[in-house]
Amino acid sequence: FGSELAPETQARLAALSAIQEFRAGEVILAEGEDTTEMGILLRGRLALRMLVPERGPITILSVEPGDLFGQSALTPPHKASSTVVATEDSQALVFSGPALRAALKEDHALAASLYPRVLTAVNRRLNATRLQLLDLFAR
């Protein structure tokens, strides 16, 4: 995610983050709840699940190392659009949503470096989710 960022940008992001461990089966975010943190998966795998009426929770996408989760922490209303569950023991670089938003507001160079990567990740996720939903509803 951030390998091509300038060293000073990497250092600024590192200062805003903490490493967190998640156990297999742990719910990290719940659909509809406040999203107070954004993370970049470093190791393991996460499932994004949506509650589908009459079908229950359906995994719509897997988050792999280098991918984002909880990006709703950056944009109002800061609500999770899916449930995020660790499908195996995982490790992530996690940012406090309020602290990251404040840093992006005050540091335009940081925002100019980070937002295109977030948008690229969101676009990739949107396209993958669209394909998953087409497959889900085709059955």
C-alpha atoms as a PDB file:
ATOM      1  CA  PHE A   1       0.000   0.000   0.000  1.00  0.00           C
ATOM      2  CA  GLY A   2       2.622   2.525   0.982  1.00  0.00           C
ATOM      3  CA  SER A   3       5.818   1.101  -0.456  1.00  0.00           C
ATOM      4  CA  GLU A   4       6.097   3.867  -3.045  1.00  0.00           C
ATOM      5  CA  LEU A   5       5.387   6.694  -0.607  1.00  0.00           C
ATOM      6  CA  ALA A   6       8.177   9.146   0.176  1.00  0.00           C
ATOM      7  CA  PRO A   7      10.143   8.204   3.326  1.00  0.00           C
ATOM      8  CA  GLU A   8       8.867  11.291   5.191  1.00  0.00           C
ATOM      9  CA  THR A   9       5.268  10.347   4.339  1.00  0.00           C
ATOM     10  CA  GLN A  10       5.874   6.787   5.518  1.00  0.00           C
ATOM     11  CA  ALA A  11       7.331   8.146   8.762  1.00  0.00           C
ATOM     12  CA  ARG A  12       4.339  10.453   9.294  1.00  0.00           C
ATOM     13  CA  LEU A  13       1.899   7.585   8.735  1.00  0.00           C
ATOM     14  CA  ALA A  14       3.911   5.305  11.029  1.00  0.00           C
ATOM     15  CA  ALA A  15       3.690   7.935  13.781  1.00  0.00           C
ATOM     16  CA  LEU A  16      -0.113   7.939  13.409  1.00  0.00           C
ATOM     17  CA  SER A  17      -0.515   4.170  13.541  1.00  0.00           C
ATOM     18  CA  ALA A  18      -0.161   1.137  15.738  1.00  0.00           C
ATOM     19  CA  ILE A  19       0.243  -2.564  14.995  1.00  0.00           C
ATOM     20  CA  GLN A  20      -2.768  -4.658  16.034  1.00  0.00           C
ATOM     21  CA  GLU A  21      -3.199  -8.403  16.103  1.00  0.00           C
ATOM     22  CA  PHE A  22      -6.516 -10.110  15.327  1.00  0.00           C
ATOM     23  CA  ARG A  23      -7.385 -13.723  16.118  1.00  0.00           C
ATOM     24  CA  ALA A  24      -9.133 -15.956  13.586  1.00  0.00           C
ATOM     25  CA  GLY A  25     -12.883 -15.447  13.953  1.00  0.00           C
ATOM     26  CA  GLU A  26     -12.569 -12.014  15.583  1.00  0.00           C
ATOM     27  CA  VAL A  27     -15.039  -9.367  14.373  1.00  0.00           C
ATOM     28  CA  ILE A  28     -13.042  -6.212  13.698  1.00  0.00           C
ATOM     29  CA  LEU A  29     -15.868  -3.999  12.409  1.00  0.00           C
ATOM     30  CA  ALA A  30     -19.606  -4.603  12.358  1.00  0.00           C
ATOM     31  CA  GLU A  31     -21.811  -3.476   9.470  1.00  0.00           C
ATOM     32  CA  GLY A  32     -23.636  -0.248  10.339  1.00  0.00           C
ATOM     33  CA  GLU A  33     -21.528   0.606  13.389  1.00  0.00           C
ATOM     34  CA  ASP A  34     -19.254   3.619  13.750  1.00  0.00           C
ATOM     35  CA  THR A  35     -15.928   3.142  11.980  1.00  0.00           C
ATOM     36  CA  THR A  36     -13.348   4.710  14.271  1.00  0.00           C
ATOM     37  CA  GLU A  37     -10.258   3.102  12.728  1.00  0.00           C
ATOM     38  CA  MET A  38      -8.819   2.390   9.315  1.00  0.00           C
ATOM     39  CA  GLY A  39      -6.272  -0.352   8.777  1.00  0.00           C
ATOM     40  CA  ILE A  40      -3.825  -1.770   6.288  1.00  0.00           C
ATOM     41  CA  LEU A  41      -3.567  -5.545   6.518  1.00  0.00           C
ATOM     42  CA  LEU A  42       0.035  -6.660   6.971  1.00  0.00           C
ATOM     43  CA  ARG A  43      -0.417 -10.401   7.494  1.00  0.00           C
ATOM     44  CA  GLY A  44      -3.331 -12.827   7.377  1.00  0.00           C
ATOM     45  CA  ARG A  45      -6.719 -12.538   5.720  1.00  0.00           C
ATOM     46  CA  LEU A  46      -9.972 -10.762   6.495  1.00  0.00           C
ATOM     47  CA  ALA A  47     -13.466 -11.354   5.129  1.00  0.00           C
ATOM     48  CA  LEU A  48     -15.867  -8.545   4.273  1.00  0.00           C
ATOM     49  CA  ARG A  49     -19.381  -9.756   4.940  1.00  0.00           C
ATOM     50  CA  MET A  50     -22.757  -8.216   4.247  1.00  0.00           C
ATOM     51  CA  LEU A  51     -26.068  -9.241   5.708  1.00  0.00           C
ATOM     52  CA  VAL A  52     -28.269 -10.309   2.799  1.00  0.00           C
ATOM     53  CA  PRO A  53     -31.979 -10.609   3.600  1.00  0.00           C
ATOM     54  CA  GLU A  54     -33.172 -14.217   3.645  1.00  0.00           C
ATOM     55  CA  ARG A  55     -29.602 -15.474   3.152  1.00  0.00           C
ATOM     56  CA  GLY A  56     -27.756 -14.186   6.216  1.00  0.00           C
ATOM     57  CA  PRO A  57     -24.153 -12.963   6.252  1.00  0.00           C
ATOM     58  CA  ILE A  58     -22.395 -13.460   2.905  1.00  0.00           C
ATOM     59  CA  THR A  59     -18.654 -12.965   2.320  1.00  0.00           C
ATOM     60  CA  ILE A  60     -18.357 -10.528  -0.546  1.00  0.00           C
ATOM     61  CA  LEU A  61     -14.600 -10.037  -0.582  1.00  0.00           C
ATOM     62  CA  SER A  62     -11.366 -11.155   1.058  1.00  0.00           C
ATOM     63  CA  VAL A  63      -8.870  -8.563   2.231  1.00  0.00           C
ATOM     64  CA  GLU A  64      -5.295  -9.610   1.510  1.00  0.00           C
ATOM     65  CA  PRO A  65      -2.016  -8.170   2.860  1.00  0.00           C
ATOM     66  CA  GLY A  66      -1.497  -4.641   1.561  1.00  0.00           C
ATOM     67  CA  ASP A  67      -5.247  -3.957   1.312  1.00  0.00           C
ATOM     68  CA  LEU A  68      -7.254  -1.441   3.323  1.00  0.00           C
ATOM     69  CA  PHE A  69     -10.174  -2.027   5.630  1.00  0.00           C
ATOM     70  CA  GLY A  70     -12.255   0.456   7.575  1.00  0.00           C
ATOM     71  CA  GLN A  71     -11.762   3.235   5.029  1.00  0.00           C
ATOM     72  CA  SER A  72     -15.196   4.528   6.070  1.00  0.00           C
ATOM     73  CA  ALA A  73     -13.300   6.094   8.988  1.00  0.00           C
ATOM     74  CA  LEU A  74     -12.187   8.774   6.506  1.00  0.00           C
ATOM     75  CA  THR A  75     -15.596   9.863   5.194  1.00  0.00           C
ATOM     76  CA  PRO A  76     -18.845  10.843   6.881  1.00  0.00           C
ATOM     77  CA  PRO A  77     -20.968   9.348   8.274  1.00  0.00           C
ATOM     78  CA  HIS A  78     -18.106   7.038   9.381  1.00  0.00           C
ATOM     79  CA  LYS A  79     -20.283   3.903   9.359  1.00  0.00           C
ATOM     80  CA  ALA A  80     -19.046   0.441   8.383  1.00  0.00           C
ATOM     81  CA  SER A  81     -20.600  -0.734   5.117  1.00  0.00           C
ATOM     82  CA  SER A  82     -19.743  -4.362   5.877  1.00  0.00           C
ATOM     83  CA  THR A  83     -18.653  -6.595   8.727  1.00  0.00           C
ATOM     84  CA  VAL A  84     -14.922  -7.308   8.797  1.00  0.00           C
ATOM     85  CA  VAL A  85     -13.910 -10.673  10.283  1.00  0.00           C
ATOM     86  CA  ALA A  86     -10.432 -12.160  10.586  1.00  0.00           C
ATOM     87  CA  THR A  87     -10.534 -15.513   8.794  1.00  0.00           C
ATOM     88  CA  GLU A  88      -7.076 -16.371  10.098  1.00  0.00           C
ATOM     89  CA  ASP A  89      -4.738 -14.846  12.647  1.00  0.00           C
ATOM     90  CA  SER A  90      -3.883 -11.433  11.207  1.00  0.00           C
ATOM     91  CA  GLN A  91      -1.838  -8.327  11.810  1.00  0.00           C
ATOM     92  CA  ALA A  92      -2.613  -4.792  10.650  1.00  0.00           C
ATOM     93  CA  LEU A  93      -1.305  -1.271  10.782  1.00  0.00           C
ATOM     94  CA  VAL A  94      -4.251   0.594  12.322  1.00  0.00           C
ATOM     95  CA  PHE A  95      -4.963   4.332  12.308  1.00  0.00           C
ATOM     96  CA  SER A  96      -7.320   6.245  14.564  1.00  0.00           C
ATOM     97  CA  GLY A  97      -9.907   7.739  12.206  1.00  0.00           C
ATOM     98  CA  PRO A  98     -10.113  11.120  13.978  1.00  0.00           C
ATOM     99  CA  ALA A  99      -6.321  11.456  14.232  1.00  0.00           C
ATOM    100  CA  LEU A 100      -5.802  10.477  10.591  1.00  0.00           C
ATOM    101  CA  ARG A 101      -8.521  12.879   9.391  1.00  0.00           C
ATOM    102  CA  ALA A 102      -6.927  15.710  11.393  1.00  0.00           C
ATOM    103  CA  ALA A 103      -3.476  14.926   9.969  1.00  0.00           C
ATOM    104  CA  LEU A 104      -4.832  14.839   6.412  1.00  0.00           C
ATOM    105  CA  LYS A 105      -6.620  18.156   6.941  1.00  0.00           C
ATOM    106  CA  GLU A 106      -3.504  19.931   8.190  1.00  0.00           C
ATOM    107  CA  ASP A 107      -0.877  18.240   6.003  1.00  0.00           C
ATOM    108  CA  HIS A 108      -1.794  18.663   2.341  1.00  0.00           C
ATOM    109  CA  ALA A 109       1.258  16.742   1.139  1.00  0.00           C
ATOM    110  CA  LEU A 110       0.199  13.773   3.259  1.00  0.00           C
ATOM    111  CA  ALA A 111      -3.353  14.016   1.909  1.00  0.00           C
ATOM    112  CA  ALA A 112      -2.095  14.279  -1.683  1.00  0.00           C
ATOM    113  CA  SER A 113      -0.025  11.126  -1.149  1.00  0.00           C
ATOM    114  CA  LEU A 114      -2.614   9.083   0.732  1.00  0.00           C
ATOM    115  CA  TYR A 115      -5.959   9.856  -0.913  1.00  0.00           C
ATOM    116  CA  PRO A 116      -5.055   8.518  -4.402  1.00  0.00           C
ATOM    117  CA  ARG A 117      -4.005   5.208  -2.820  1.00  0.00           C
ATOM    118  CA  VAL A 118      -7.202   5.046  -0.772  1.00  0.00           C
ATOM    119  CA  LEU A 119      -9.289   5.831  -3.852  1.00  0.00           C
ATOM    120  CA  THR A 120      -7.468   3.190  -5.904  1.00  0.00           C
ATOM    121  CA  ALA A 121      -8.117   0.606  -3.177  1.00  0.00           C
ATOM    122  CA  VAL A 122     -11.773   1.627  -2.890  1.00  0.00           C
ATOM    123  CA  ASN A 123     -12.218   1.470  -6.667  1.00  0.00           C
ATOM    124  CA  ARG A 124     -10.640  -1.992  -6.816  1.00  0.00           C
ATOM    125  CA  ARG A 125     -12.881  -3.119  -3.957  1.00  0.00           C
ATOM    126  CA  LEU A 126     -15.980  -1.640  -5.583  1.00  0.00           C
ATOM    127  CA  ASN A 127     -15.305  -3.489  -8.826  1.00  0.00           C
ATOM    128  CA  ALA A 128     -14.630  -6.782  -7.036  1.00  0.00           C
ATOM    129  CA  THR A 129     -17.736  -6.367  -4.878  1.00  0.00           C
ATOM    130  CA  ARG A 130     -19.851  -5.628  -7.933  1.00  0.00           C
ATOM    131  CA  LEU A 131     -18.692  -8.874  -9.535  1.00  0.00           C
ATOM    132  CA  GLN A 132     -19.357 -10.802  -6.320  1.00  0.00           C
ATOM    133  CA  LEU A 133     -22.874  -9.374  -6.062  1.00  0.00           C
ATOM    134  CA  LEU A 134     -23.638 -10.183  -9.697  1.00  0.00           C
ATOM    135  CA  ASP A 135     -22.604 -13.759  -9.013  1.00  0.00           C
ATOM    136  CA  LEU A 136     -24.565 -13.868  -5.751  1.00  0.00           C
ATOM    137  CA  PHE A 137     -27.825 -12.643  -7.237  1.00  0.00           C
ATOM    138  CA  ALA A 138     -27.475 -14.679 -10.437  1.00  0.00           C
ATOM    139  CA  ARG A 139     -28.005 -17.883  -8.451  1.00  0.00           C
END
